[in-house]
Amino acid sequence: MFIALSTFTIANDMAAEVREAFKNRPHMVDNEAGFLKLEVMYPQENENEIWLMTYWTDEESYKVWFANHYKDSHHGIPKGLKLVPGSTKVRYLEHVCG
């Protein structure tokens, strides 16, 4: 299993709006080849930091989605959202067990 972990920090107190947007997301990625699930969370010590974990059967499926549909998946971003500069990070993980 391949996991892409994306993190970012909201700069302008719109964390509640961002969380709501994820709850009401259009589920565009759900039927993509190799997609398993999406989890959205934030650390208790910083509600403005958002973590997105997408789970895939393999890295190639993620790469195909990213190359073809990544931009489309961001249409639901709340208007006026500002991020802390340099806070956006993507890490790739291999699942060992669980």
N, C-alpha and C. Protein backbone atom coordinates (compact mmCIF):
# COMPACT_ATOMS: atom_id res chain seq x y z
N MET A 1 0.85 -1.17 0.00
CA MET A 1 0.00 0.00 0.00
C MET A 1 0.90 1.24 0.00
N PHE A 2 0.48 2.25 -0.75
CA PHE A 2 1.19 3.52 -0.86
C PHE A 2 0.33 4.61 -0.25
N ILE A 3 0.96 5.48 0.54
CA ILE A 3 0.24 6.57 1.20
C ILE A 3 0.92 7.89 0.87
N ALA A 4 0.12 8.88 0.48
CA ALA A 4 0.62 10.24 0.29
C ALA A 4 0.07 11.08 1.44
N LEU A 5 0.98 11.67 2.20
CA LEU A 5 0.62 12.54 3.33
C LEU A 5 0.91 13.97 2.94
N SER A 6 -0.14 14.78 2.83
CA SER A 6 0.01 16.20 2.52
C SER A 6 -0.34 16.99 3.77
N THR A 7 0.48 17.97 4.10
CA THR A 7 0.20 18.81 5.25
C THR A 7 0.31 20.28 4.85
N PHE A 8 -0.48 21.11 5.51
CA PHE A 8 -0.40 22.56 5.31
C PHE A 8 -0.97 23.24 6.54
N THR A 9 -0.61 24.51 6.72
CA THR A 9 -1.08 25.28 7.86
C THR A 9 -1.83 26.51 7.36
N ILE A 10 -3.01 26.70 7.89
CA ILE A 10 -3.89 27.81 7.51
C ILE A 10 -3.43 29.06 8.25
N ALA A 11 -3.32 30.17 7.50
CA ALA A 11 -2.80 31.42 8.07
C ALA A 11 -3.89 32.37 8.53
N ASN A 12 -5.12 32.20 8.08
CA ASN A 12 -6.12 33.24 8.34
C ASN A 12 -7.39 32.72 9.01
N ASP A 13 -7.25 31.90 10.01
CA ASP A 13 -8.37 31.46 10.86
C ASP A 13 -9.57 30.91 10.09
N MET A 14 -9.30 30.15 9.03
CA MET A 14 -10.38 29.53 8.27
C MET A 14 -10.39 28.01 8.45
N ALA A 15 -9.83 27.53 9.56
CA ALA A 15 -9.74 26.08 9.78
C ALA A 15 -11.11 25.42 9.76
N ALA A 16 -12.10 26.04 10.38
CA ALA A 16 -13.44 25.45 10.43
C ALA A 16 -14.01 25.32 9.02
N GLU A 17 -13.82 26.34 8.18
CA GLU A 17 -14.32 26.30 6.81
C GLU A 17 -13.62 25.22 5.98
N VAL A 18 -12.31 25.06 6.21
CA VAL A 18 -11.56 24.04 5.49
C VAL A 18 -12.02 22.65 5.90
N ARG A 19 -12.19 22.43 7.19
CA ARG A 19 -12.68 21.12 7.65
C ARG A 19 -14.07 20.83 7.09
N GLU A 20 -14.93 21.82 7.05
CA GLU A 20 -16.27 21.64 6.50
C GLU A 20 -16.21 21.32 5.00
N ALA A 21 -15.30 21.98 4.28
CA ALA A 21 -15.14 21.71 2.85
C ALA A 21 -14.72 20.25 2.63
N PHE A 22 -13.85 19.73 3.48
CA PHE A 22 -13.47 18.33 3.34
C PHE A 22 -14.63 17.39 3.67
N LYS A 23 -15.43 17.73 4.66
CA LYS A 23 -16.59 16.90 4.99
C LYS A 23 -17.58 16.86 3.83
N ASN A 24 -17.68 17.94 3.08
CA ASN A 24 -18.63 18.05 1.97
C ASN A 24 -17.96 17.91 0.61
N ARG A 25 -16.79 17.32 0.58
CA ARG A 25 -16.03 17.22 -0.67
C ARG A 25 -16.81 16.45 -1.73
N PRO A 26 -16.53 16.71 -3.00
CA PRO A 26 -17.29 16.06 -4.07
C PRO A 26 -16.91 14.59 -4.33
N HIS A 27 -15.95 14.06 -3.63
CA HIS A 27 -15.55 12.64 -3.74
C HIS A 27 -15.06 12.28 -5.14
N MET A 28 -14.44 13.24 -5.82
CA MET A 28 -13.96 13.02 -7.18
C MET A 28 -12.91 11.91 -7.25
N VAL A 29 -12.07 11.79 -6.24
CA VAL A 29 -10.98 10.82 -6.26
C VAL A 29 -11.46 9.40 -5.94
N ASP A 30 -12.62 9.27 -5.35
CA ASP A 30 -13.07 7.99 -4.82
C ASP A 30 -13.11 6.85 -5.83
N ASN A 31 -13.39 7.15 -7.08
CA ASN A 31 -13.50 6.11 -8.10
C ASN A 31 -12.27 5.98 -8.98
N GLU A 32 -11.18 6.65 -8.59
CA GLU A 32 -9.94 6.55 -9.36
C GLU A 32 -9.31 5.18 -9.16
N ALA A 33 -8.69 4.68 -10.21
CA ALA A 33 -8.01 3.38 -10.14
C ALA A 33 -6.96 3.40 -9.03
N GLY A 34 -7.01 2.42 -8.17
CA GLY A 34 -6.02 2.28 -7.11
C GLY A 34 -6.31 3.06 -5.84
N PHE A 35 -7.28 3.96 -5.86
CA PHE A 35 -7.60 4.75 -4.66
C PHE A 35 -8.31 3.88 -3.64
N LEU A 36 -7.89 4.00 -2.36
CA LEU A 36 -8.50 3.22 -1.30
C LEU A 36 -9.31 4.10 -0.35
N LYS A 37 -8.68 5.18 0.16
CA LYS A 37 -9.42 6.05 1.08
C LYS A 37 -8.66 7.35 1.31
N LEU A 38 -9.37 8.33 1.86
CA LEU A 38 -8.82 9.62 2.25
C LEU A 38 -9.16 9.85 3.71
N GLU A 39 -8.16 10.27 4.48
CA GLU A 39 -8.39 10.68 5.87
C GLU A 39 -7.90 12.11 6.02
N VAL A 40 -8.69 12.92 6.70
CA VAL A 40 -8.34 14.32 6.97
C VAL A 40 -8.32 14.48 8.48
N MET A 41 -7.24 15.05 8.99
CA MET A 41 -7.10 15.22 10.43
C MET A 41 -6.26 16.46 10.74
N TYR A 42 -6.24 16.82 12.01
CA TYR A 42 -5.36 17.90 12.46
C TYR A 42 -4.87 17.58 13.86
N PRO A 43 -3.65 18.02 14.19
CA PRO A 43 -3.13 17.76 15.53
C PRO A 43 -3.88 18.61 16.56
N GLN A 44 -4.14 18.07 17.73
CA GLN A 44 -4.89 18.78 18.76
C GLN A 44 -4.21 20.08 19.18
N GLU A 45 -2.89 20.13 19.08
CA GLU A 45 -2.19 21.34 19.53
C GLU A 45 -2.21 22.47 18.49
N ASN A 46 -2.71 22.20 17.27
CA ASN A 46 -2.74 23.24 16.24
C ASN A 46 -3.86 22.96 15.25
N GLU A 47 -5.04 23.50 15.51
CA GLU A 47 -6.19 23.22 14.64
C GLU A 47 -6.04 23.83 13.25
N ASN A 48 -5.07 24.70 13.04
CA ASN A 48 -4.83 25.30 11.73
C ASN A 48 -3.93 24.45 10.84
N GLU A 49 -3.37 23.38 11.38
CA GLU A 49 -2.52 22.48 10.59
C GLU A 49 -3.39 21.31 10.13
N ILE A 50 -3.45 21.09 8.84
CA ILE A 50 -4.30 20.04 8.26
C ILE A 50 -3.42 18.95 7.67
N TRP A 51 -3.78 17.70 7.94
CA TRP A 51 -3.08 16.55 7.39
C TRP A 51 -4.06 15.78 6.51
N LEU A 52 -3.66 15.49 5.29
CA LEU A 52 -4.46 14.68 4.36
C LEU A 52 -3.68 13.42 4.05
N MET A 53 -4.29 12.30 4.30
CA MET A 53 -3.64 11.03 3.97
C MET A 53 -4.50 10.33 2.93
N THR A 54 -3.92 10.13 1.74
CA THR A 54 -4.61 9.34 0.73
C THR A 54 -3.92 7.99 0.63
N TYR A 55 -4.72 6.95 0.60
CA TYR A 55 -4.23 5.58 0.57
C TYR A 55 -4.51 5.00 -0.82
N TRP A 56 -3.48 4.37 -1.38
CA TRP A 56 -3.55 3.82 -2.74
C TRP A 56 -3.03 2.40 -2.74
N THR A 57 -3.48 1.62 -3.70
CA THR A 57 -2.96 0.25 -3.82
C THR A 57 -1.50 0.26 -4.21
N ASP A 58 -1.08 1.31 -4.96
CA ASP A 58 0.30 1.37 -5.43
C ASP A 58 0.65 2.81 -5.79
N GLU A 59 1.93 3.09 -5.87
CA GLU A 59 2.42 4.44 -6.16
C GLU A 59 2.04 4.90 -7.57
N GLU A 60 2.05 4.00 -8.52
CA GLU A 60 1.73 4.36 -9.90
C GLU A 60 0.30 4.92 -10.02
N SER A 61 -0.65 4.33 -9.31
CA SER A 61 -2.02 4.83 -9.33
C SER A 61 -2.08 6.27 -8.82
N TYR A 62 -1.36 6.54 -7.74
CA TYR A 62 -1.30 7.91 -7.21
C TYR A 62 -0.71 8.85 -8.25
N LYS A 63 0.38 8.46 -8.89
CA LYS A 63 1.04 9.32 -9.87
C LYS A 63 0.12 9.63 -11.05
N VAL A 64 -0.64 8.65 -11.51
CA VAL A 64 -1.58 8.87 -12.62
C VAL A 64 -2.65 9.87 -12.19
N TRP A 65 -3.22 9.68 -11.00
CA TRP A 65 -4.23 10.63 -10.50
C TRP A 65 -3.63 12.02 -10.37
N PHE A 66 -2.47 12.12 -9.76
CA PHE A 66 -1.84 13.43 -9.54
C PHE A 66 -1.59 14.14 -10.87
N ALA A 67 -1.11 13.43 -11.86
CA ALA A 67 -0.80 14.03 -13.16
C ALA A 67 -2.06 14.49 -13.90
N ASN A 68 -3.18 13.81 -13.69
CA ASN A 68 -4.37 14.08 -14.49
C ASN A 68 -5.51 14.79 -13.78
N HIS A 69 -5.60 14.68 -12.45
CA HIS A 69 -6.79 15.18 -11.77
C HIS A 69 -6.53 16.01 -10.52
N TYR A 70 -5.29 16.20 -10.15
CA TYR A 70 -4.97 16.91 -8.91
C TYR A 70 -5.60 18.30 -8.87
N LYS A 71 -5.45 19.07 -9.93
CA LYS A 71 -5.99 20.44 -9.95
C LYS A 71 -7.51 20.44 -9.82
N ASP A 72 -8.18 19.51 -10.49
CA ASP A 72 -9.64 19.44 -10.42
C ASP A 72 -10.12 19.17 -9.00
N SER A 73 -9.33 18.46 -8.23
CA SER A 73 -9.77 18.07 -6.89
C SER A 73 -9.76 19.23 -5.90
N HIS A 74 -9.25 20.39 -6.30
CA HIS A 74 -9.15 21.52 -5.39
C HIS A 74 -10.19 22.60 -5.64
N HIS A 75 -11.25 22.28 -6.37
CA HIS A 75 -12.29 23.28 -6.65
C HIS A 75 -13.09 23.68 -5.42
N GLY A 76 -13.15 22.87 -4.40
CA GLY A 76 -13.94 23.16 -3.21
C GLY A 76 -13.22 23.94 -2.14
N ILE A 77 -12.02 24.45 -2.44
CA ILE A 77 -11.26 25.20 -1.44
C ILE A 77 -12.01 26.49 -1.11
N PRO A 78 -12.21 26.79 0.18
CA PRO A 78 -12.93 28.01 0.56
C PRO A 78 -12.25 29.26 0.00
N LYS A 79 -13.05 30.16 -0.51
CA LYS A 79 -12.53 31.42 -1.06
C LYS A 79 -11.88 32.24 0.04
N GLY A 80 -10.74 32.83 -0.28
CA GLY A 80 -10.03 33.67 0.68
C GLY A 80 -9.04 32.92 1.55
N LEU A 81 -8.95 31.61 1.39
CA LEU A 81 -8.02 30.82 2.20
C LEU A 81 -6.58 31.24 1.95
N LYS A 82 -5.84 31.44 3.02
CA LYS A 82 -4.41 31.75 2.93
C LYS A 82 -3.66 30.73 3.77
N LEU A 83 -2.52 30.27 3.22
CA LEU A 83 -1.69 29.31 3.93
C LEU A 83 -0.42 29.97 4.43
N VAL A 84 0.12 29.42 5.50
CA VAL A 84 1.40 29.88 6.01
C VAL A 84 2.45 29.55 4.95
N PRO A 85 3.19 30.55 4.48
CA PRO A 85 4.22 30.28 3.45
C PRO A 85 5.19 29.19 3.90
N GLY A 86 5.45 28.27 3.00
CA GLY A 86 6.39 27.19 3.28
C GLY A 86 5.82 26.04 4.10
N SER A 87 4.54 26.11 4.45
CA SER A 87 3.97 25.07 5.31
C SER A 87 3.48 23.85 4.54
N THR A 88 3.33 23.96 3.24
CA THR A 88 2.81 22.84 2.45
C THR A 88 3.92 21.82 2.20
N LYS A 89 3.63 20.58 2.60
CA LYS A 89 4.59 19.50 2.43
C LYS A 89 3.86 18.25 1.98
N VAL A 90 4.53 17.44 1.19
CA VAL A 90 3.99 16.14 0.79
C VAL A 90 5.06 15.10 1.09
N ARG A 91 4.64 14.04 1.77
CA ARG A 91 5.55 12.94 2.07
C ARG A 91 4.91 11.65 1.56
N TYR A 92 5.74 10.74 1.12
CA TYR A 92 5.26 9.47 0.59
C TYR A 92 5.67 8.37 1.55
N LEU A 93 4.70 7.52 1.88
CA LEU A 93 4.91 6.49 2.89
C LEU A 93 4.58 5.12 2.33
N GLU A 94 5.28 4.13 2.81
CA GLU A 94 4.96 2.74 2.51
C GLU A 94 4.34 2.15 3.76
N HIS A 95 3.21 1.51 3.61
CA HIS A 95 2.50 0.90 4.73
C HIS A 95 3.15 -0.45 5.06
N VAL A 96 3.45 -0.66 6.33
CA VAL A 96 4.11 -1.89 6.75
C VAL A 96 3.12 -2.90 7.30
N CYS A 97 2.28 -2.48 8.23
CA CYS A 97 1.28 -3.38 8.80
C CYS A 97 0.18 -2.56 9.47
N GLY A 98 -0.89 -3.22 9.82
CA GLY A 98 -1.94 -2.52 10.54
C GLY A 98 -3.30 -3.07 10.32
